[in-house]
Amino acid sequence: MIAELLSGYITQFISSIGYAGVFILMMLESAALPVPSEVVMPFAGYLAYQGVFNLYLISILGAVGCTAGSLISYYVGLKGGRPFIEKYGKYLFIESRHMQLAETWFNKYGDRAVFLSRLLPVVRTFISFPAGIGKYDLRKLVTFSFIGSLPWCFALAYVGFYLGPFWKEIIGFFNGLDIVVVASIIIIFLYYWKLRK
């Protein structure tokens, strides 16, 4: 019910303001707001199927929007993440040494982490926040966020283009995939928490 209601708002928003709607919504999605790219891009692809949009242009705009949203999330992590974690981290089982570990991890694996995470549901939305906390290189963040987001945006838009009037069929698939990803994250967290005891 909520998904259908949200889907209605998203499609109306894009229909009302066109290309800018794709950019804005994808920016909000990457800024960790509850805007599903699995609705935004397939619907934009459907509009490309109708001849309203250009498939390649919406894919690029979607990726640019993702990159802009990543910058917002990055700066939140950079400016507010560390003080927040230092003050409240103990309630989340996060200690100061974990902050140092995050910085080391992003220095070592940041490029691959940022790129690959942009291709995964759920994870792609939140990766820029720890990148900010870990003080990951900003130019690399922009580069790998865009490069990683472009195939994601194009693939979703192409599915909407390919399915045409049946573009909503993809939403159910991604709802199931989101559950798998979230379950995997919870299992990893519980395993990590158990190791710390």
Protein backbone atom coordinates (compact mmCIF):
# COMPACT_ATOMS: atom_id res chain seq x y z
CA MET A 1 0.00 0.00 0.00
CA ILE A 2 2.77 2.44 0.99
CA ALA A 3 4.83 1.40 -2.05
CA GLU A 4 1.88 2.06 -4.36
CA LEU A 5 1.20 5.45 -2.77
CA LEU A 6 4.86 6.44 -3.02
CA SER A 7 4.97 5.21 -6.59
CA GLY A 8 2.01 7.44 -7.42
CA TYR A 9 3.72 10.53 -5.99
CA ILE A 10 6.95 9.75 -7.83
CA THR A 11 5.31 9.25 -11.20
CA GLN A 12 3.25 12.40 -10.78
CA PHE A 13 6.34 14.41 -9.80
CA ILE A 14 8.33 13.25 -12.84
CA SER A 15 5.37 13.77 -15.15
CA SER A 16 4.96 17.32 -13.84
CA ILE A 17 8.53 18.65 -14.10
CA GLY A 18 10.19 16.29 -16.58
CA TYR A 19 13.93 15.63 -16.64
CA ALA A 20 14.53 17.74 -13.54
CA GLY A 21 12.27 15.36 -11.62
CA VAL A 22 14.57 12.42 -12.41
CA PHE A 23 17.61 14.37 -11.21
CA ILE A 24 15.96 15.62 -8.01
CA LEU A 25 14.50 12.25 -7.01
CA MET A 26 17.73 10.36 -7.63
CA MET A 27 19.59 13.00 -5.64
CA LEU A 28 17.20 12.53 -2.71
CA GLU A 29 17.54 8.74 -2.96
CA SER A 30 21.34 8.95 -2.70
CA ALA A 31 21.04 11.40 0.19
CA ALA A 32 19.48 8.46 2.10
CA LEU A 33 15.87 9.62 1.85
CA PRO A 34 13.17 7.01 1.17
CA VAL A 35 12.90 7.52 -2.59
CA PRO A 36 13.23 4.19 -4.44
CA SER A 37 15.32 4.37 -7.59
CA GLU A 38 13.54 1.13 -8.56
CA VAL A 39 10.46 3.27 -9.23
CA VAL A 40 12.09 6.49 -10.47
CA MET A 41 14.27 5.10 -13.24
CA PRO A 42 11.91 2.42 -14.65
CA PHE A 43 9.12 5.00 -14.86
CA ALA A 44 11.50 7.41 -16.60
CA GLY A 45 12.37 4.54 -18.94
CA TYR A 46 8.69 4.01 -19.62
CA LEU A 47 8.39 7.69 -20.54
CA ALA A 48 11.34 7.16 -22.91
CA TYR A 49 9.37 4.26 -24.41
CA GLN A 50 6.53 6.73 -24.99
CA GLY A 51 8.92 9.19 -26.64
CA VAL A 52 8.69 11.77 -23.83
CA PHE A 53 12.29 11.27 -22.60
CA ASN A 54 15.59 10.26 -24.11
CA LEU A 55 16.78 6.97 -22.59
CA TYR A 56 20.45 7.94 -22.47
CA LEU A 57 19.84 11.42 -21.12
CA ILE A 58 17.70 10.19 -18.21
CA SER A 59 20.39 7.61 -17.38
CA ILE A 60 23.05 10.32 -17.22
CA LEU A 61 20.78 12.67 -15.24
CA GLY A 62 19.99 9.86 -12.83
CA ALA A 63 23.69 9.18 -12.27
CA VAL A 64 24.44 12.89 -11.82
CA GLY A 65 21.58 13.08 -9.30
CA CYS A 66 23.01 10.06 -7.44
CA THR A 67 26.40 11.74 -7.31
CA ALA A 68 24.91 14.98 -5.98
CA GLY A 69 23.02 13.05 -3.29
CA SER A 70 26.19 11.19 -2.40
CA LEU A 71 27.91 14.52 -1.76
CA ILE A 72 25.17 15.52 0.67
CA SER A 73 25.46 12.24 2.56
CA TYR A 74 29.26 12.46 2.47
CA TYR A 75 29.30 15.92 4.05
CA VAL A 76 26.84 14.84 6.73
CA GLY A 77 29.24 12.03 7.61
CA LEU A 78 32.28 14.28 7.37
CA LYS A 79 30.95 17.14 9.49
CA GLY A 80 28.55 15.45 11.86
CA GLY A 81 29.30 11.75 11.68
CA ARG A 82 32.39 11.58 13.85
CA PRO A 83 31.01 13.74 16.73
CA PHE A 84 27.75 11.78 16.63
CA ILE A 85 29.55 8.43 16.70
CA GLU A 86 31.90 9.59 19.47
CA LYS A 87 28.94 10.70 21.58
CA TYR A 88 26.40 7.99 20.85
CA GLY A 89 28.48 5.25 19.24
CA LYS A 90 28.66 3.19 22.43
CA TYR A 91 24.90 2.66 22.20
CA LEU A 92 25.40 1.30 18.69
CA PHE A 93 28.38 -0.85 19.71
CA ILE A 94 30.77 1.49 17.88
CA GLU A 95 33.97 2.58 19.58
CA SER A 96 36.55 5.21 18.61
CA ARG A 97 38.88 2.52 17.29
CA HIS A 98 36.19 1.58 14.80
CA MET A 99 36.35 5.13 13.43
CA GLN A 100 40.04 4.66 12.78
CA LEU A 101 39.29 1.31 11.18
CA ALA A 102 36.74 2.97 8.88
CA GLU A 103 39.33 5.52 7.75
CA THR A 104 41.92 2.80 7.14
CA TRP A 105 39.36 0.65 5.31
CA PHE A 106 38.30 3.45 2.98
CA ASN A 107 41.91 4.40 2.30
CA LYS A 108 42.63 0.82 1.30
CA TYR A 109 39.40 -0.35 -0.34
CA GLY A 110 37.47 2.87 -0.84
CA ASP A 111 37.52 2.89 -4.64
CA ARG A 112 36.08 -0.60 -4.98
CA ALA A 113 33.71 -0.14 -2.05
CA VAL A 114 32.18 3.05 -3.44
CA PHE A 115 31.97 1.71 -6.99
CA LEU A 116 30.50 -1.71 -6.15
CA SER A 117 28.08 -0.37 -3.54
CA ARG A 118 26.48 1.88 -6.16
CA LEU A 119 25.40 -1.29 -7.98
CA LEU A 120 23.60 -2.80 -4.96
CA PRO A 121 20.12 -2.03 -3.64
CA VAL A 122 19.92 -0.51 -0.14
CA VAL A 123 23.71 -0.38 0.34
CA ARG A 124 24.11 2.14 -2.49
CA THR A 125 22.02 4.66 -0.60
CA PHE A 126 24.15 4.70 2.55
CA ILE A 127 27.76 4.16 1.43
CA SER A 128 28.63 7.88 1.24
CA PHE A 129 27.94 8.49 4.93
CA PRO A 130 30.71 6.16 6.18
CA ALA A 131 32.89 7.47 3.35
CA GLY A 132 32.53 10.93 4.92
CA ILE A 133 33.27 9.60 8.38
CA GLY A 134 36.32 7.82 6.96
CA LYS A 135 37.42 11.03 5.17
CA TYR A 136 37.51 9.26 1.84
CA ASP A 137 38.96 11.35 -1.00
CA LEU A 138 36.20 13.63 -2.34
CA ARG A 139 37.28 13.54 -5.98
CA LYS A 140 37.32 9.77 -5.91
CA LEU A 141 33.90 9.72 -4.29
CA VAL A 142 32.46 11.84 -7.10
CA THR A 143 34.20 9.78 -9.79
CA PHE A 144 33.30 6.34 -8.49
CA SER A 145 29.78 7.35 -7.43
CA PHE A 146 29.06 8.51 -10.97
CA ILE A 147 30.75 5.55 -12.67
CA GLY A 148 28.97 3.12 -10.37
CA SER A 149 25.59 4.85 -10.59
CA LEU A 150 25.48 5.12 -14.39
CA PRO A 151 25.02 1.39 -15.15
CA TRP A 152 22.48 1.12 -12.30
CA CYS A 153 20.43 4.02 -13.66
CA PHE A 154 20.70 2.85 -17.26
CA ALA A 155 19.76 -0.74 -16.40
CA LEU A 156 16.64 0.35 -14.48
CA ALA A 157 15.66 2.86 -17.17
CA TYR A 158 16.19 0.26 -19.90
CA VAL A 159 13.96 -2.24 -18.08
CA GLY A 160 11.22 0.40 -17.93
CA PHE A 161 11.80 1.14 -21.62
CA TYR A 162 11.75 -2.56 -22.51
CA LEU A 163 8.66 -3.42 -20.44
CA GLY A 164 6.77 -0.34 -21.61
CA PRO A 165 3.28 -0.26 -20.07
CA PHE A 166 4.27 -3.16 -17.80
CA TRP A 167 7.17 -1.27 -16.20
CA LYS A 168 5.75 -1.72 -12.67
CA GLU A 169 6.49 -5.46 -12.86
CA ILE A 170 10.08 -4.73 -11.83
CA ILE A 171 9.07 -3.20 -8.47
CA GLY A 172 8.06 -6.56 -6.97
CA PHE A 173 11.38 -8.09 -7.99
CA PHE A 174 13.38 -5.35 -6.27
CA ASN A 175 11.23 -5.49 -3.15
CA GLY A 176 12.29 -9.11 -2.78
CA LEU A 177 15.93 -8.28 -3.54
CA ASP A 178 15.91 -5.50 -0.92
CA ILE A 179 14.81 -8.02 1.70
CA VAL A 180 17.71 -10.33 0.79
CA VAL A 181 20.24 -7.47 1.00
CA VAL A 182 18.89 -6.19 4.34
CA ALA A 183 18.87 -9.72 5.76
CA SER A 184 22.50 -10.16 4.64
CA ILE A 185 23.51 -6.89 6.33
CA ILE A 186 21.79 -7.96 9.58
CA ILE A 187 23.55 -11.34 9.50
CA ILE A 188 26.94 -9.67 8.95
CA PHE A 189 26.26 -7.21 11.77
CA LEU A 190 25.24 -9.99 14.17
CA TYR A 191 28.32 -11.99 13.23
CA TYR A 192 30.52 -8.93 13.79
CA TRP A 193 28.81 -8.20 17.12
CA LYS A 194 29.32 -11.81 18.24
CA LEU A 195 33.04 -11.61 17.40
CA ARG A 196 33.38 -8.51 19.57
CA LYS A 197 31.97 -10.21 22.68
